[in-house]
Amino acid sequence: MTPFLFALCAAGANLIGALAVVRHQRREMRVIDRFIAFGAGFMISAVVLGMLPEAFTRPDAGYFVLGGYLAVHLAQHVLTPHFHFGEETHRLSAGAGMSALAGLSLHTFFDGVAIASGFLVSGRLGILLFLAVFLHKLPEGVTIASVTLAGGGGRRRALLAAGVLGLATIAGVLLTEVAEPLVRHGLAISAGVTLYVAASDLVPEFQAKRGWPVAAAFFGGGACFLATQLLLGLWVR
């Protein structure tokens, strides 16, 4: 199993999310809303039960986990003036779209690092982290496409922005395979990044929504991680 193929698949999900925006596919958008809650539950479980135990085999891992978490906050919520996951419905400046693309590119790069680092540990962890990445790739595509459109960009530019995010993920995989610092610390850094995206980006998007469907999606994401981990433990090493 090659991490590059999994990265290509994850990158494709960015484009699918963007297509749902530019084509105004409301039914698909409602499905993606559920993906946000489900993906958050799966990702938090992946970090706590999959990434952190492996990362903390190194005594200095905590510094890199914290660094990854803080770096995403800096990129998405300090340097970027307007950012949230999901569809943007307000008019924005063109600069807001570019800054959102820069902020998202950092964390999508570490999506690729997470996939590659997982496979360096085991095929099972690599697949689990690919699934965690894939589940929030659709909302990422929605986010960047809608922000680009809200900033006055056309449909082509919105799809191009989603493509840039996909390329950043692929670059993360390729660099992790050759860069020694990422080989050593990539899992810890990407654990901090993934934790931030799940707990600080995705959870607030549905936290105020009442009713069982969203709650069921969130807890279902955690349960799905546990079930997938168990099944992969039987079939994949």
C-alpha atoms as a PDB file:
ATOM      1  CA  MET A   1       0.000   0.000   0.000  1.00  0.00           C
ATOM      2  CA  THR A   2       1.458   3.337  -1.050  1.00  0.00           C
ATOM      3  CA  PRO A   3       0.576   6.527   0.850  1.00  0.00           C
ATOM      4  CA  PHE A   4       0.679   8.459  -2.434  1.00  0.00           C
ATOM      5  CA  LEU A   5      -2.448   6.724  -3.762  1.00  0.00           C
ATOM      6  CA  PHE A   6      -4.298   7.434  -0.529  1.00  0.00           C
ATOM      7  CA  ALA A   7      -3.229  11.081  -0.768  1.00  0.00           C
ATOM      8  CA  LEU A   8      -4.624  11.274  -4.309  1.00  0.00           C
ATOM      9  CA  CYS A   9      -7.939   9.931  -3.083  1.00  0.00           C
ATOM     10  CA  ALA A  10      -8.025  12.452  -0.230  1.00  0.00           C
ATOM     11  CA  ALA A  11      -7.169  15.285  -2.619  1.00  0.00           C
ATOM     12  CA  GLY A  12     -10.060  14.244  -4.844  1.00  0.00           C
ATOM     13  CA  ALA A  13     -12.444  14.740  -1.931  1.00  0.00           C
ATOM     14  CA  ASN A  14     -11.421  18.424  -1.806  1.00  0.00           C
ATOM     15  CA  LEU A  15     -12.630  18.787  -5.380  1.00  0.00           C
ATOM     16  CA  ILE A  16     -15.879  16.943  -4.681  1.00  0.00           C
ATOM     17  CA  GLY A  17     -16.674  19.330  -1.848  1.00  0.00           C
ATOM     18  CA  ALA A  18     -15.875  22.304  -4.068  1.00  0.00           C
ATOM     19  CA  LEU A  19     -18.081  20.957  -6.865  1.00  0.00           C
ATOM     20  CA  ALA A  20     -21.028  20.742  -4.480  1.00  0.00           C
ATOM     21  CA  VAL A  21     -20.649  24.489  -3.883  1.00  0.00           C
ATOM     22  CA  VAL A  22     -20.114  25.695  -7.438  1.00  0.00           C
ATOM     23  CA  ARG A  23     -22.996  23.566  -8.728  1.00  0.00           C
ATOM     24  CA  HIS A  24     -25.306  24.636  -5.872  1.00  0.00           C
ATOM     25  CA  GLN A  25     -26.121  21.039  -4.984  1.00  0.00           C
ATOM     26  CA  ARG A  26     -28.132  21.582  -1.810  1.00  0.00           C
ATOM     27  CA  ARG A  27     -28.760  17.890  -1.164  1.00  0.00           C
ATOM     28  CA  GLU A  28     -25.042  17.147  -1.235  1.00  0.00           C
ATOM     29  CA  MET A  29     -24.423  20.127   1.040  1.00  0.00           C
ATOM     30  CA  ARG A  30     -26.739  18.663   3.687  1.00  0.00           C
ATOM     31  CA  VAL A  31     -24.804  15.404   3.505  1.00  0.00           C
ATOM     32  CA  ILE A  32     -21.540  17.311   3.933  1.00  0.00           C
ATOM     33  CA  ASP A  33     -22.961  18.998   7.039  1.00  0.00           C
ATOM     34  CA  ARG A  34     -23.303  15.533   8.582  1.00  0.00           C
ATOM     35  CA  PHE A  35     -19.752  14.768   7.474  1.00  0.00           C
ATOM     36  CA  ILE A  36     -18.503  17.626   9.639  1.00  0.00           C
ATOM     37  CA  ALA A  37     -19.945  16.063  12.805  1.00  0.00           C
ATOM     38  CA  PHE A  38     -19.079  12.485  11.845  1.00  0.00           C
ATOM     39  CA  GLY A  39     -15.569  13.455  10.787  1.00  0.00           C
ATOM     40  CA  ALA A  40     -14.949  15.341  14.023  1.00  0.00           C
ATOM     41  CA  GLY A  41     -15.840  12.281  16.098  1.00  0.00           C
ATOM     42  CA  PHE A  42     -13.660  10.014  13.957  1.00  0.00           C
ATOM     43  CA  MET A  43     -10.718  12.443  13.959  1.00  0.00           C
ATOM     44  CA  ILE A  44     -10.686  13.047  17.707  1.00  0.00           C
ATOM     45  CA  SER A  45     -10.740   9.287  18.252  1.00  0.00           C
ATOM     46  CA  ALA A  46      -7.921   8.835  15.732  1.00  0.00           C
ATOM     47  CA  VAL A  47      -5.757  11.393  17.533  1.00  0.00           C
ATOM     48  CA  VAL A  48      -6.365  10.114  21.068  1.00  0.00           C
ATOM     49  CA  LEU A  49      -6.327   6.383  20.353  1.00  0.00           C
ATOM     50  CA  GLY A  50      -4.107   6.156  17.289  1.00  0.00           C
ATOM     51  CA  MET A  51      -1.706   9.051  16.852  1.00  0.00           C
ATOM     52  CA  LEU A  52      -0.780  10.152  20.363  1.00  0.00           C
ATOM     53  CA  PRO A  53       0.147   6.695  21.730  1.00  0.00           C
ATOM     54  CA  GLU A  54       2.551   6.193  18.818  1.00  0.00           C
ATOM     55  CA  ALA A  55       3.885   9.761  18.893  1.00  0.00           C
ATOM     56  CA  PHE A  56       4.620   9.652  22.624  1.00  0.00           C
ATOM     57  CA  THR A  57       7.080   6.824  22.191  1.00  0.00           C
ATOM     58  CA  ARG A  58       9.457   9.788  21.705  1.00  0.00           C
ATOM     59  CA  PRO A  59      10.042  11.794  24.908  1.00  0.00           C
ATOM     60  CA  ASP A  60       9.916  15.180  23.150  1.00  0.00           C
ATOM     61  CA  ALA A  61       6.695  14.497  21.259  1.00  0.00           C
ATOM     62  CA  GLY A  62       4.581  16.773  23.447  1.00  0.00           C
ATOM     63  CA  TYR A  63       6.389  19.868  22.186  1.00  0.00           C
ATOM     64  CA  PHE A  64       5.679  18.956  18.572  1.00  0.00           C
ATOM     65  CA  VAL A  65       2.028  18.115  19.268  1.00  0.00           C
ATOM     66  CA  LEU A  66       1.585  21.503  20.915  1.00  0.00           C
ATOM     67  CA  GLY A  67       3.512  23.194  18.115  1.00  0.00           C
ATOM     68  CA  GLY A  68       1.256  21.676  15.473  1.00  0.00           C
ATOM     69  CA  TYR A  69      -1.857  22.757  17.362  1.00  0.00           C
ATOM     70  CA  LEU A  70      -0.637  26.329  17.824  1.00  0.00           C
ATOM     71  CA  ALA A  71       0.619  26.635  14.245  1.00  0.00           C
ATOM     72  CA  VAL A  72      -2.829  25.919  12.827  1.00  0.00           C
ATOM     73  CA  HIS A  73      -4.439  28.433  15.168  1.00  0.00           C
ATOM     74  CA  LEU A  74      -1.893  31.026  14.076  1.00  0.00           C
ATOM     75  CA  ALA A  75      -2.476  30.327  10.384  1.00  0.00           C
ATOM     76  CA  GLN A  76      -6.261  30.050  10.419  1.00  0.00           C
ATOM     77  CA  HIS A  77      -7.418  32.401  13.160  1.00  0.00           C
ATOM     78  CA  VAL A  78      -4.676  34.984  13.709  1.00  0.00           C
ATOM     79  CA  LEU A  79      -3.162  35.583  10.269  1.00  0.00           C
ATOM     80  CA  THR A  80      -6.461  34.838   8.501  1.00  0.00           C
ATOM     81  CA  PRO A  81      -9.051  37.562   9.201  1.00  0.00           C
ATOM     82  CA  HIS A  82     -12.167  35.505   8.438  1.00  0.00           C
ATOM     83  CA  PHE A  83     -12.261  31.738   8.661  1.00  0.00           C
ATOM     84  CA  HIS A  84     -14.657  28.977   9.606  1.00  0.00           C
ATOM     85  CA  PHE A  85     -15.421  25.534   8.251  1.00  0.00           C
ATOM     86  CA  GLY A  86     -18.525  25.071   6.148  1.00  0.00           C
ATOM     87  CA  GLU A  87     -20.235  27.170   3.499  1.00  0.00           C
ATOM     88  CA  GLU A  88     -19.548  30.908   3.534  1.00  0.00           C
ATOM     89  CA  THR A  89     -22.712  32.930   2.874  1.00  0.00           C
ATOM     90  CA  HIS A  90     -21.419  36.503   3.410  1.00  0.00           C
ATOM     91  CA  ARG A  91     -19.612  38.729   0.975  1.00  0.00           C
ATOM     92  CA  LEU A  92     -15.838  38.846   1.561  1.00  0.00           C
ATOM     93  CA  SER A  93     -12.860  40.658   0.118  1.00  0.00           C
ATOM     94  CA  ALA A  94     -10.648  38.907  -2.416  1.00  0.00           C
ATOM     95  CA  GLY A  95      -7.814  39.046   0.120  1.00  0.00           C
ATOM     96  CA  ALA A  96      -9.866  37.041   2.611  1.00  0.00           C
ATOM     97  CA  GLY A  97     -10.087  34.205   0.113  1.00  0.00           C
ATOM     98  CA  MET A  98      -6.337  34.178  -0.450  1.00  0.00           C
ATOM     99  CA  SER A  99      -5.559  34.238   3.264  1.00  0.00           C
ATOM    100  CA  ALA A 100      -8.033  31.405   3.876  1.00  0.00           C
ATOM    101  CA  LEU A 101      -6.307  29.389   1.151  1.00  0.00           C
ATOM    102  CA  ALA A 102      -2.918  29.995   2.778  1.00  0.00           C
ATOM    103  CA  GLY A 103      -4.231  28.996   6.209  1.00  0.00           C
ATOM    104  CA  LEU A 104      -5.931  25.864   4.950  1.00  0.00           C
ATOM    105  CA  SER A 105      -2.900  24.871   2.885  1.00  0.00           C
ATOM    106  CA  LEU A 106      -0.783  24.545   6.024  1.00  0.00           C
ATOM    107  CA  HIS A 107      -3.120  22.072   7.636  1.00  0.00           C
ATOM    108  CA  THR A 108      -3.805  20.181   4.395  1.00  0.00           C
ATOM    109  CA  PHE A 109      -0.046  19.770   4.015  1.00  0.00           C
ATOM    110  CA  PHE A 110      -0.016  18.103   7.414  1.00  0.00           C
ATOM    111  CA  ASP A 111      -2.967  15.959   6.352  1.00  0.00           C
ATOM    112  CA  GLY A 112      -0.497  14.405   3.951  1.00  0.00           C
ATOM    113  CA  VAL A 113       2.153  14.203   6.650  1.00  0.00           C
ATOM    114  CA  ALA A 114      -0.356  12.369   8.862  1.00  0.00           C
ATOM    115  CA  ILE A 115      -1.121   9.795   6.169  1.00  0.00           C
ATOM    116  CA  ALA A 116       2.538   9.148   5.373  1.00  0.00           C
ATOM    117  CA  SER A 117       3.564   9.081   9.051  1.00  0.00           C
ATOM    118  CA  GLY A 118       0.810   6.593   9.806  1.00  0.00           C
ATOM    119  CA  PHE A 119       2.052   4.223   7.141  1.00  0.00           C
ATOM    120  CA  LEU A 120       5.593   4.521   8.517  1.00  0.00           C
ATOM    121  CA  VAL A 121       4.213   3.010  11.746  1.00  0.00           C
ATOM    122  CA  SER A 122       1.910   0.391  10.235  1.00  0.00           C
ATOM    123  CA  GLY A 123      -0.528  -0.186   7.415  1.00  0.00           C
ATOM    124  CA  ARG A 124      -3.373  -0.213   9.926  1.00  0.00           C
ATOM    125  CA  LEU A 125      -2.559   3.229  11.331  1.00  0.00           C
ATOM    126  CA  GLY A 126      -1.976   4.615   7.850  1.00  0.00           C
ATOM    127  CA  ILE A 127      -5.444   3.555   6.694  1.00  0.00           C
ATOM    128  CA  LEU A 128      -7.055   4.904   9.860  1.00  0.00           C
ATOM    129  CA  LEU A 129      -5.384   8.288   9.403  1.00  0.00           C
ATOM    130  CA  PHE A 130      -6.302   8.341   5.727  1.00  0.00           C
ATOM    131  CA  LEU A 131      -9.942   7.868   6.707  1.00  0.00           C
ATOM    132  CA  ALA A 132      -9.667  10.632   9.318  1.00  0.00           C
ATOM    133  CA  VAL A 133      -8.231  12.962   6.668  1.00  0.00           C
ATOM    134  CA  PHE A 134     -10.737  11.943   3.996  1.00  0.00           C
ATOM    135  CA  LEU A 135     -13.736  12.637   6.213  1.00  0.00           C
ATOM    136  CA  HIS A 136     -12.885  16.328   6.572  1.00  0.00           C
ATOM    137  CA  LYS A 137     -11.692  16.811   2.997  1.00  0.00           C
ATOM    138  CA  LEU A 138     -15.257  17.349   1.757  1.00  0.00           C
ATOM    139  CA  PRO A 139     -15.910  20.213   4.246  1.00  0.00           C
ATOM    140  CA  GLU A 140     -12.496  21.645   3.325  1.00  0.00           C
ATOM    141  CA  GLY A 141     -13.497  21.757  -0.316  1.00  0.00           C
ATOM    142  CA  VAL A 142     -16.802  23.399   0.604  1.00  0.00           C
ATOM    143  CA  THR A 143     -14.992  25.957   2.759  1.00  0.00           C
ATOM    144  CA  ILE A 144     -12.392  27.096   0.262  1.00  0.00           C
ATOM    145  CA  ALA A 145     -14.779  27.100  -2.708  1.00  0.00           C
ATOM    146  CA  SER A 146     -17.436  29.129  -0.895  1.00  0.00           C
ATOM    147  CA  VAL A 147     -14.864  31.587   0.498  1.00  0.00           C
ATOM    148  CA  THR A 148     -13.405  32.046  -2.985  1.00  0.00           C
ATOM    149  CA  LEU A 149     -16.842  32.693  -4.478  1.00  0.00           C
ATOM    150  CA  ALA A 150     -17.738  35.060  -1.639  1.00  0.00           C
ATOM    151  CA  GLY A 151     -14.553  36.992  -2.403  1.00  0.00           C
ATOM    152  CA  GLY A 152     -15.604  37.545  -6.001  1.00  0.00           C
ATOM    153  CA  GLY A 153     -13.752  34.650  -7.607  1.00  0.00           C
ATOM    154  CA  GLY A 154     -15.448  32.584 -10.290  1.00  0.00           C
ATOM    155  CA  ARG A 155     -16.216  28.883 -10.337  1.00  0.00           C
ATOM    156  CA  ARG A 156     -12.946  28.027 -12.039  1.00  0.00           C
ATOM    157  CA  ARG A 157     -10.966  29.845  -9.365  1.00  0.00           C
ATOM    158  CA  ALA A 158     -12.960  28.093  -6.636  1.00  0.00           C
ATOM    159  CA  LEU A 159     -12.117  24.682  -8.103  1.00  0.00           C
ATOM    160  CA  LEU A 160      -8.494  25.732  -8.565  1.00  0.00           C
ATOM    161  CA  ALA A 161      -8.295  26.694  -4.881  1.00  0.00           C
ATOM    162  CA  ALA A 162      -9.631  23.261  -3.911  1.00  0.00           C
ATOM    163  CA  GLY A 163      -7.027  21.721  -6.195  1.00  0.00           C
ATOM    164  CA  VAL A 164      -4.277  23.651  -4.390  1.00  0.00           C
ATOM    165  CA  LEU A 165      -5.415  22.113  -1.105  1.00  0.00           C
ATOM    166  CA  GLY A 166      -5.267  18.669  -2.677  1.00  0.00           C
ATOM    167  CA  LEU A 167      -1.755  19.309  -3.986  1.00  0.00           C
ATOM    168  CA  ALA A 168      -0.658  20.434  -0.515  1.00  0.00           C
ATOM    169  CA  THR A 169      -1.801  17.076   0.864  1.00  0.00           C
ATOM    170  CA  ILE A 170       0.119  15.196  -1.805  1.00  0.00           C
ATOM    171  CA  ALA A 171       3.194  17.330  -1.090  1.00  0.00           C
ATOM    172  CA  GLY A 172       2.921  16.429   2.591  1.00  0.00           C
ATOM    173  CA  VAL A 173       3.064  12.731   1.740  1.00  0.00           C
ATOM    174  CA  LEU A 174       5.991  13.088  -0.656  1.00  0.00           C
ATOM    175  CA  LEU A 175       8.093  15.249   1.670  1.00  0.00           C
ATOM    176  CA  THR A 176       7.497  12.984   4.663  1.00  0.00           C
ATOM    177  CA  GLU A 177       9.011  10.109   2.725  1.00  0.00           C
ATOM    178  CA  VAL A 178      12.281  11.993   2.156  1.00  0.00           C
ATOM    179  CA  ALA A 179      12.637  14.644   4.892  1.00  0.00           C
ATOM    180  CA  GLU A 180      14.230  13.312   8.068  1.00  0.00           C
ATOM    181  CA  PRO A 181      12.577  15.851  10.449  1.00  0.00           C
ATOM    182  CA  LEU A 182       9.137  14.830   9.197  1.00  0.00           C
ATOM    183  CA  VAL A 183      10.023  11.152   9.450  1.00  0.00           C
ATOM    184  CA  ARG A 184      10.931  11.674  13.114  1.00  0.00           C
ATOM    185  CA  HIS A 185       8.358  14.249  14.212  1.00  0.00           C
ATOM    186  CA  GLY A 186       5.687  14.294  11.519  1.00  0.00           C
ATOM    187  CA  LEU A 187       3.268  12.099  13.437  1.00  0.00           C
ATOM    188  CA  ALA A 188       3.437  14.296  16.539  1.00  0.00           C
ATOM    189  CA  ILE A 189       3.047  17.553  14.597  1.00  0.00           C
ATOM    190  CA  SER A 190       0.166  16.216  12.529  1.00  0.00           C
ATOM    191  CA  ALA A 191      -1.495  14.913  15.712  1.00  0.00           C
ATOM    192  CA  GLY A 192      -1.591  18.491  17.023  1.00  0.00           C
ATOM    193  CA  VAL A 193      -2.867  19.742  13.669  1.00  0.00           C
ATOM    194  CA  THR A 194      -5.572  17.073  13.459  1.00  0.00           C
ATOM    195  CA  LEU A 195      -6.672  17.692  17.022  1.00  0.00           C
ATOM    196  CA  TYR A 196      -7.043  21.397  16.317  1.00  0.00           C
ATOM    197  CA  VAL A 197      -9.019  20.861  13.116  1.00  0.00           C
ATOM    198  CA  ALA A 198     -11.363  18.392  14.809  1.00  0.00           C
ATOM    199  CA  ALA A 199     -11.889  20.066  18.188  1.00  0.00           C
ATOM    200  CA  SER A 200     -11.418  23.762  17.389  1.00  0.00           C
ATOM    201  CA  ASP A 201     -12.624  23.978  13.763  1.00  0.00           C
ATOM    202  CA  LEU A 202     -15.193  21.242  13.192  1.00  0.00           C
ATOM    203  CA  VAL A 203     -16.880  20.870  16.601  1.00  0.00           C
ATOM    204  CA  PRO A 204     -17.865  24.573  16.873  1.00  0.00           C
ATOM    205  CA  GLU A 205     -19.558  24.306  13.465  1.00  0.00           C
ATOM    206  CA  PHE A 206     -22.250  21.976  14.802  1.00  0.00           C
ATOM    207  CA  GLN A 207     -22.060  22.504  18.564  1.00  0.00           C
ATOM    208  CA  ALA A 208     -24.992  24.957  18.606  1.00  0.00           C
ATOM    209  CA  LYS A 209     -27.220  22.731  16.477  1.00  0.00           C
ATOM    210  CA  ARG A 210     -29.802  20.840  18.509  1.00  0.00           C
ATOM    211  CA  GLY A 211     -31.336  17.468  17.816  1.00  0.00           C
ATOM    212  CA  TRP A 212     -30.226  13.874  17.606  1.00  0.00           C
ATOM    213  CA  PRO A 213     -29.070  13.706  13.963  1.00  0.00           C
ATOM    214  CA  VAL A 214     -25.948  15.818  14.521  1.00  0.00           C
ATOM    215  CA  ALA A 215     -25.185  14.255  17.910  1.00  0.00           C
ATOM    216  CA  ALA A 216     -25.625  10.786  16.427  1.00  0.00           C
ATOM    217  CA  ALA A 217     -23.241  11.669  13.602  1.00  0.00           C
ATOM    218  CA  PHE A 218     -20.594  12.898  16.060  1.00  0.00           C
ATOM    219  CA  PHE A 219     -20.766   9.901  18.396  1.00  0.00           C
ATOM    220  CA  GLY A 220     -21.140   7.633  15.385  1.00  0.00           C
ATOM    221  CA  GLY A 221     -17.813   8.920  14.085  1.00  0.00           C
ATOM    222  CA  GLY A 222     -16.100   7.829  17.294  1.00  0.00           C
ATOM    223  CA  ALA A 223     -17.836   4.461  17.241  1.00  0.00           C
ATOM    224  CA  CYS A 224     -16.899   3.981  13.584  1.00  0.00           C
ATOM    225  CA  PHE A 225     -13.241   4.599  14.410  1.00  0.00           C
ATOM    226  CA  LEU A 226     -13.314   1.907  17.091  1.00  0.00           C
ATOM    227  CA  ALA A 227     -15.027  -0.565  14.767  1.00  0.00           C
ATOM    228  CA  THR A 228     -12.641   0.186  11.906  1.00  0.00           C
ATOM    229  CA  GLN A 229      -9.633  -0.142  14.200  1.00  0.00           C
ATOM    230  CA  LEU A 230     -10.876  -3.532  15.343  1.00  0.00           C
ATOM    231  CA  LEU A 231     -11.520  -4.798  11.815  1.00  0.00           C
ATOM    232  CA  LEU A 232      -8.195  -3.544  10.486  1.00  0.00           C
ATOM    233  CA  GLY A 233      -6.476  -5.242  13.417  1.00  0.00           C
ATOM    234  CA  LEU A 234      -7.736  -8.560  12.041  1.00  0.00           C
ATOM    235  CA  TRP A 235      -6.794  -7.925   8.399  1.00  0.00           C
ATOM    236  CA  VAL A 236      -3.991  -5.372   8.173  1.00  0.00           C
ATOM    237  CA  ARG A 237      -0.613  -5.079   9.891  1.00  0.00           C
END
